[in-house]
Amino acid sequence: MAKITYRHPDGTVTVLEVPNGNSVMRGAVINGVRGIVGECGGGAMCGTCHVYIAEDSTAPLPPMPDIEHELLYTTACERRDNSRLSCQLPVTDDIDGLVVDMPERQL
């Protein structure tokens, strides 16, 4: 299980304990976190789970697959160097403490 912090554009913060085997997106969706839609259910097909990894994050994240790289050019908010699709971030003990910032909108 990993503690994931979801920071919203309005300054509110949601901290969740997400079980291993889920994705950062699924943890947000099943807990009703505003700002992550996950329209395709985590299939890396819609880009509605776009997040920005906090600049000071040291959590080891998996390399970005080509499909994620391409989808990040189609998101509602600008792609940045720290952009990721939260459906492509598996929850493991290693990412405990991960902080993600939500974009202004997903659609």
N, C-alpha and C. Protein backbone atom coordinates (compact mmCIF):
# COMPACT_ATOMS: atom_id res chain seq x y z
N MET A 1 0.85 -1.17 0.00
CA MET A 1 0.00 0.00 0.00
C MET A 1 0.89 1.23 0.00
N ALA A 2 0.42 2.26 -0.70
CA ALA A 2 1.19 3.48 -0.78
C ALA A 2 0.30 4.68 -0.49
N LYS A 3 0.86 5.66 0.19
CA LYS A 3 0.15 6.90 0.43
C LYS A 3 0.39 7.79 -0.79
N ILE A 4 -0.72 8.21 -1.42
CA ILE A 4 -0.65 9.08 -2.59
C ILE A 4 -1.35 10.39 -2.22
N THR A 5 -0.70 11.50 -2.54
CA THR A 5 -1.28 12.81 -2.29
C THR A 5 -1.69 13.42 -3.62
N TYR A 6 -2.97 13.81 -3.69
CA TYR A 6 -3.54 14.44 -4.89
C TYR A 6 -3.78 15.91 -4.54
N ARG A 7 -3.05 16.81 -5.19
CA ARG A 7 -3.20 18.24 -4.91
C ARG A 7 -4.05 18.87 -6.02
N HIS A 8 -5.10 19.57 -5.59
CA HIS A 8 -6.05 20.17 -6.52
C HIS A 8 -5.65 21.61 -6.84
N PRO A 9 -6.06 22.10 -8.01
CA PRO A 9 -5.70 23.48 -8.40
C PRO A 9 -6.20 24.54 -7.41
N ASP A 10 -7.28 24.25 -6.69
CA ASP A 10 -7.81 25.24 -5.73
C ASP A 10 -7.08 25.20 -4.39
N GLY A 11 -6.06 24.35 -4.28
CA GLY A 11 -5.27 24.28 -3.06
C GLY A 11 -5.66 23.17 -2.10
N THR A 12 -6.81 22.54 -2.33
CA THR A 12 -7.18 21.43 -1.45
C THR A 12 -6.31 20.22 -1.76
N VAL A 13 -6.20 19.36 -0.77
CA VAL A 13 -5.34 18.19 -0.87
C VAL A 13 -6.13 16.97 -0.42
N THR A 14 -6.00 15.88 -1.17
CA THR A 14 -6.59 14.61 -0.80
C THR A 14 -5.46 13.60 -0.66
N VAL A 15 -5.38 12.95 0.50
CA VAL A 15 -4.34 11.94 0.73
C VAL A 15 -5.05 10.60 0.90
N LEU A 16 -4.61 9.61 0.12
CA LEU A 16 -5.21 8.28 0.16
C LEU A 16 -4.16 7.21 0.35
N GLU A 17 -4.56 6.14 1.03
CA GLU A 17 -3.77 4.92 1.08
C GLU A 17 -4.33 4.05 -0.05
N VAL A 18 -3.53 3.82 -1.08
CA VAL A 18 -3.99 3.06 -2.25
C VAL A 18 -3.33 1.69 -2.24
N PRO A 19 -4.12 0.63 -2.30
CA PRO A 19 -3.56 -0.72 -2.28
C PRO A 19 -2.69 -1.01 -3.51
N ASN A 20 -1.63 -1.77 -3.27
CA ASN A 20 -0.79 -2.22 -4.38
C ASN A 20 -1.64 -2.96 -5.40
N GLY A 21 -1.22 -2.88 -6.65
CA GLY A 21 -1.95 -3.54 -7.72
C GLY A 21 -2.94 -2.62 -8.41
N ASN A 22 -3.22 -1.47 -7.82
CA ASN A 22 -4.07 -0.46 -8.45
C ASN A 22 -3.16 0.51 -9.19
N SER A 23 -3.77 1.45 -9.88
CA SER A 23 -3.01 2.55 -10.47
C SER A 23 -3.32 3.81 -9.67
N VAL A 24 -2.52 4.82 -9.86
CA VAL A 24 -2.77 6.10 -9.21
C VAL A 24 -4.14 6.62 -9.64
N MET A 25 -4.51 6.40 -10.92
CA MET A 25 -5.83 6.80 -11.41
C MET A 25 -6.94 6.04 -10.71
N ARG A 26 -6.83 4.74 -10.62
CA ARG A 26 -7.89 3.93 -10.01
C ARG A 26 -8.08 4.30 -8.55
N GLY A 27 -6.99 4.55 -7.84
CA GLY A 27 -7.11 4.98 -6.46
C GLY A 27 -7.95 6.24 -6.34
N ALA A 28 -7.75 7.18 -7.26
CA ALA A 28 -8.52 8.42 -7.24
C ALA A 28 -9.97 8.18 -7.61
N VAL A 29 -10.21 7.44 -8.67
CA VAL A 29 -11.57 7.23 -9.16
C VAL A 29 -12.44 6.48 -8.15
N ILE A 30 -11.91 5.40 -7.58
CA ILE A 30 -12.75 4.62 -6.65
C ILE A 30 -12.98 5.35 -5.32
N ASN A 31 -12.19 6.38 -5.07
CA ASN A 31 -12.37 7.16 -3.85
C ASN A 31 -13.01 8.52 -4.11
N GLY A 32 -13.48 8.74 -5.34
CA GLY A 32 -14.21 9.97 -5.66
C GLY A 32 -13.38 11.23 -5.66
N VAL A 33 -12.10 11.12 -5.97
CA VAL A 33 -11.24 12.30 -6.02
C VAL A 33 -11.61 13.13 -7.25
N ARG A 34 -11.96 14.38 -7.00
CA ARG A 34 -12.28 15.29 -8.11
C ARG A 34 -11.02 15.56 -8.94
N GLY A 35 -11.20 15.67 -10.24
CA GLY A 35 -10.09 16.08 -11.09
C GLY A 35 -9.45 14.97 -11.90
N ILE A 36 -9.77 13.73 -11.61
CA ILE A 36 -9.31 12.62 -12.43
C ILE A 36 -10.55 11.90 -12.92
N VAL A 37 -10.73 11.88 -14.24
CA VAL A 37 -11.93 11.31 -14.83
C VAL A 37 -11.74 9.84 -15.13
N GLY A 38 -10.67 9.50 -15.82
CA GLY A 38 -10.43 8.10 -16.17
C GLY A 38 -11.51 7.55 -17.09
N GLU A 39 -11.88 8.34 -18.07
CA GLU A 39 -12.98 8.01 -18.96
C GLU A 39 -12.84 6.64 -19.64
N CYS A 40 -11.64 6.24 -20.00
CA CYS A 40 -11.44 4.95 -20.69
C CYS A 40 -11.20 3.80 -19.72
N GLY A 41 -11.24 4.08 -18.44
CA GLY A 41 -11.08 3.03 -17.45
C GLY A 41 -9.65 2.59 -17.22
N GLY A 42 -8.71 3.34 -17.70
CA GLY A 42 -7.31 3.02 -17.47
C GLY A 42 -6.61 2.34 -18.63
N GLY A 43 -7.20 2.44 -19.81
CA GLY A 43 -6.63 1.78 -20.99
C GLY A 43 -5.66 2.63 -21.78
N ALA A 44 -5.25 3.76 -21.26
CA ALA A 44 -4.34 4.68 -21.95
C ALA A 44 -4.89 5.04 -23.33
N MET A 45 -6.18 5.45 -23.33
CA MET A 45 -6.82 5.78 -24.61
C MET A 45 -7.48 7.16 -24.61
N CYS A 46 -7.59 7.82 -23.44
CA CYS A 46 -8.35 9.07 -23.45
C CYS A 46 -7.59 10.28 -22.92
N GLY A 47 -6.64 10.10 -22.04
CA GLY A 47 -5.88 11.21 -21.49
C GLY A 47 -6.60 11.99 -20.40
N THR A 48 -7.73 11.47 -19.86
CA THR A 48 -8.47 12.21 -18.85
C THR A 48 -8.02 11.90 -17.42
N CYS A 49 -6.84 11.32 -17.30
CA CYS A 49 -6.26 11.08 -15.98
C CYS A 49 -4.89 11.73 -15.88
N HIS A 50 -4.71 12.76 -16.69
CA HIS A 50 -3.46 13.51 -16.74
C HIS A 50 -3.16 14.13 -15.38
N VAL A 51 -1.93 13.99 -14.93
CA VAL A 51 -1.46 14.63 -13.70
C VAL A 51 -0.06 15.17 -13.93
N TYR A 52 0.35 16.03 -13.02
CA TYR A 52 1.72 16.52 -13.00
C TYR A 52 2.39 15.94 -11.76
N ILE A 53 3.50 15.27 -11.94
CA ILE A 53 4.25 14.74 -10.80
C ILE A 53 4.93 15.91 -10.09
N ALA A 54 4.77 15.98 -8.79
CA ALA A 54 5.36 17.07 -8.02
C ALA A 54 6.86 17.16 -8.31
N GLU A 55 7.32 18.37 -8.47
CA GLU A 55 8.73 18.61 -8.83
C GLU A 55 9.71 17.99 -7.84
N ASP A 56 9.35 17.94 -6.57
CA ASP A 56 10.26 17.41 -5.55
C ASP A 56 10.06 15.92 -5.29
N SER A 57 9.25 15.26 -6.10
CA SER A 57 8.99 13.84 -5.90
C SER A 57 10.22 13.01 -6.23
N THR A 58 10.49 12.05 -5.36
CA THR A 58 11.63 11.15 -5.59
C THR A 58 11.16 9.72 -5.82
N ALA A 59 9.83 9.54 -5.91
CA ALA A 59 9.29 8.19 -6.12
C ALA A 59 9.76 7.66 -7.47
N PRO A 60 10.24 6.42 -7.49
CA PRO A 60 10.69 5.83 -8.77
C PRO A 60 9.48 5.43 -9.62
N LEU A 61 9.31 6.09 -10.74
CA LEU A 61 8.18 5.80 -11.62
C LEU A 61 8.65 4.98 -12.81
N PRO A 62 7.76 4.18 -13.38
CA PRO A 62 8.15 3.38 -14.55
C PRO A 62 8.40 4.28 -15.75
N PRO A 63 9.19 3.80 -16.70
CA PRO A 63 9.40 4.58 -17.92
C PRO A 63 8.08 4.82 -18.63
N MET A 64 8.02 5.89 -19.39
CA MET A 64 6.81 6.24 -20.09
C MET A 64 6.68 5.43 -21.39
N PRO A 65 5.59 4.65 -21.52
CA PRO A 65 5.38 3.92 -22.77
C PRO A 65 5.08 4.89 -23.92
N ASP A 66 5.32 4.45 -25.13
CA ASP A 66 5.08 5.30 -26.30
C ASP A 66 3.65 5.82 -26.37
N ILE A 67 2.67 4.97 -26.06
CA ILE A 67 1.27 5.40 -26.14
C ILE A 67 0.98 6.53 -25.16
N GLU A 68 1.55 6.46 -23.98
CA GLU A 68 1.38 7.54 -23.01
C GLU A 68 2.03 8.81 -23.51
N HIS A 69 3.22 8.69 -24.04
CA HIS A 69 3.94 9.84 -24.59
C HIS A 69 3.08 10.55 -25.63
N GLU A 70 2.46 9.80 -26.53
CA GLU A 70 1.62 10.39 -27.58
C GLU A 70 0.34 11.00 -27.01
N LEU A 71 -0.32 10.30 -26.09
CA LEU A 71 -1.57 10.81 -25.52
C LEU A 71 -1.39 12.11 -24.75
N LEU A 72 -0.25 12.30 -24.17
CA LEU A 72 -0.02 13.52 -23.39
C LEU A 72 -0.03 14.77 -24.26
N TYR A 73 0.05 14.61 -25.57
CA TYR A 73 -0.08 15.76 -26.48
C TYR A 73 -1.53 16.10 -26.77
N THR A 74 -2.47 15.29 -26.27
CA THR A 74 -3.89 15.51 -26.56
C THR A 74 -4.69 15.89 -25.31
N THR A 75 -4.04 16.11 -24.20
CA THR A 75 -4.75 16.40 -22.95
C THR A 75 -5.33 17.81 -22.96
N ALA A 76 -6.34 18.01 -22.11
CA ALA A 76 -7.04 19.29 -22.05
C ALA A 76 -6.13 20.42 -21.56
N CYS A 77 -5.22 20.13 -20.67
CA CYS A 77 -4.26 21.12 -20.18
C CYS A 77 -2.88 20.80 -20.72
N GLU A 78 -2.05 21.81 -20.74
CA GLU A 78 -0.74 21.67 -21.37
C GLU A 78 0.08 20.52 -20.81
N ARG A 79 0.80 19.90 -21.72
CA ARG A 79 1.77 18.89 -21.33
C ARG A 79 3.01 19.61 -20.81
N ARG A 80 3.54 19.08 -19.72
CA ARG A 80 4.78 19.61 -19.14
C ARG A 80 5.78 18.47 -19.04
N ASP A 81 7.00 18.80 -18.68
CA ASP A 81 8.03 17.78 -18.52
C ASP A 81 7.66 16.76 -17.45
N ASN A 82 6.86 17.17 -16.48
CA ASN A 82 6.47 16.28 -15.38
C ASN A 82 5.07 15.68 -15.57
N SER A 83 4.51 15.76 -16.78
CA SER A 83 3.20 15.19 -17.06
C SER A 83 3.26 13.68 -17.15
N ARG A 84 2.23 13.04 -16.60
CA ARG A 84 2.06 11.59 -16.73
C ARG A 84 0.56 11.29 -16.78
N LEU A 85 0.23 10.13 -17.31
CA LEU A 85 -1.13 9.62 -17.21
C LEU A 85 -1.17 8.76 -15.96
N SER A 86 -2.07 9.09 -15.04
CA SER A 86 -2.08 8.37 -13.77
C SER A 86 -2.51 6.92 -13.92
N CYS A 87 -3.14 6.58 -15.05
CA CYS A 87 -3.51 5.17 -15.29
C CYS A 87 -2.28 4.32 -15.60
N GLN A 88 -1.18 4.96 -15.93
CA GLN A 88 0.04 4.25 -16.28
C GLN A 88 1.04 4.21 -15.13
N LEU A 89 0.57 4.59 -13.95
CA LEU A 89 1.43 4.60 -12.77
C LEU A 89 0.93 3.56 -11.77
N PRO A 90 1.52 2.37 -11.80
CA PRO A 90 1.08 1.33 -10.87
C PRO A 90 1.48 1.65 -9.43
N VAL A 91 0.59 1.31 -8.52
CA VAL A 91 0.86 1.54 -7.11
C VAL A 91 1.66 0.36 -6.56
N THR A 92 2.80 0.70 -5.98
CA THR A 92 3.67 -0.26 -5.29
C THR A 92 4.17 0.42 -4.02
N ASP A 93 4.76 -0.36 -3.14
CA ASP A 93 5.34 0.22 -1.93
C ASP A 93 6.40 1.26 -2.28
N ASP A 94 7.06 1.10 -3.41
CA ASP A 94 8.14 2.01 -3.80
C ASP A 94 7.68 3.44 -4.04
N ILE A 95 6.40 3.62 -4.42
CA ILE A 95 5.95 4.99 -4.70
C ILE A 95 5.24 5.62 -3.51
N ASP A 96 5.35 5.00 -2.34
CA ASP A 96 4.75 5.57 -1.15
C ASP A 96 5.23 7.02 -0.99
N GLY A 97 4.28 7.92 -0.79
CA GLY A 97 4.62 9.34 -0.64
C GLY A 97 4.53 10.13 -1.93
N LEU A 98 4.13 9.50 -3.03
CA LEU A 98 4.02 10.20 -4.31
C LEU A 98 3.02 11.35 -4.19
N VAL A 99 3.37 12.48 -4.77
CA VAL A 99 2.49 13.65 -4.80
C VAL A 99 2.23 13.99 -6.25
N VAL A 100 0.94 14.10 -6.59
CA VAL A 100 0.57 14.50 -7.95
C VAL A 100 -0.28 15.76 -7.88
N ASP A 101 -0.05 16.63 -8.83
CA ASP A 101 -0.83 17.86 -8.96
C ASP A 101 -1.80 17.67 -10.12
N MET A 102 -3.06 18.04 -9.86
CA MET A 102 -4.09 17.93 -10.88
C MET A 102 -4.05 19.13 -11.81
N PRO A 103 -4.33 18.91 -13.08
CA PRO A 103 -4.46 20.06 -13.98
C PRO A 103 -5.79 20.77 -13.73
N GLU A 104 -5.96 21.93 -14.32
CA GLU A 104 -7.18 22.72 -14.16
C GLU A 104 -8.43 21.98 -14.63
N ARG A 105 -8.27 21.17 -15.68
CA ARG A 105 -9.41 20.42 -16.23
C ARG A 105 -8.89 19.19 -16.96
N GLN A 106 -9.78 18.23 -17.20
CA GLN A 106 -9.43 17.02 -17.92
C GLN A 106 -10.13 16.93 -19.27
N LEU A 107 -11.26 17.58 -19.40
CA LEU A 107 -12.05 17.51 -20.65
C LEU A 107 -12.13 18.86 -21.31
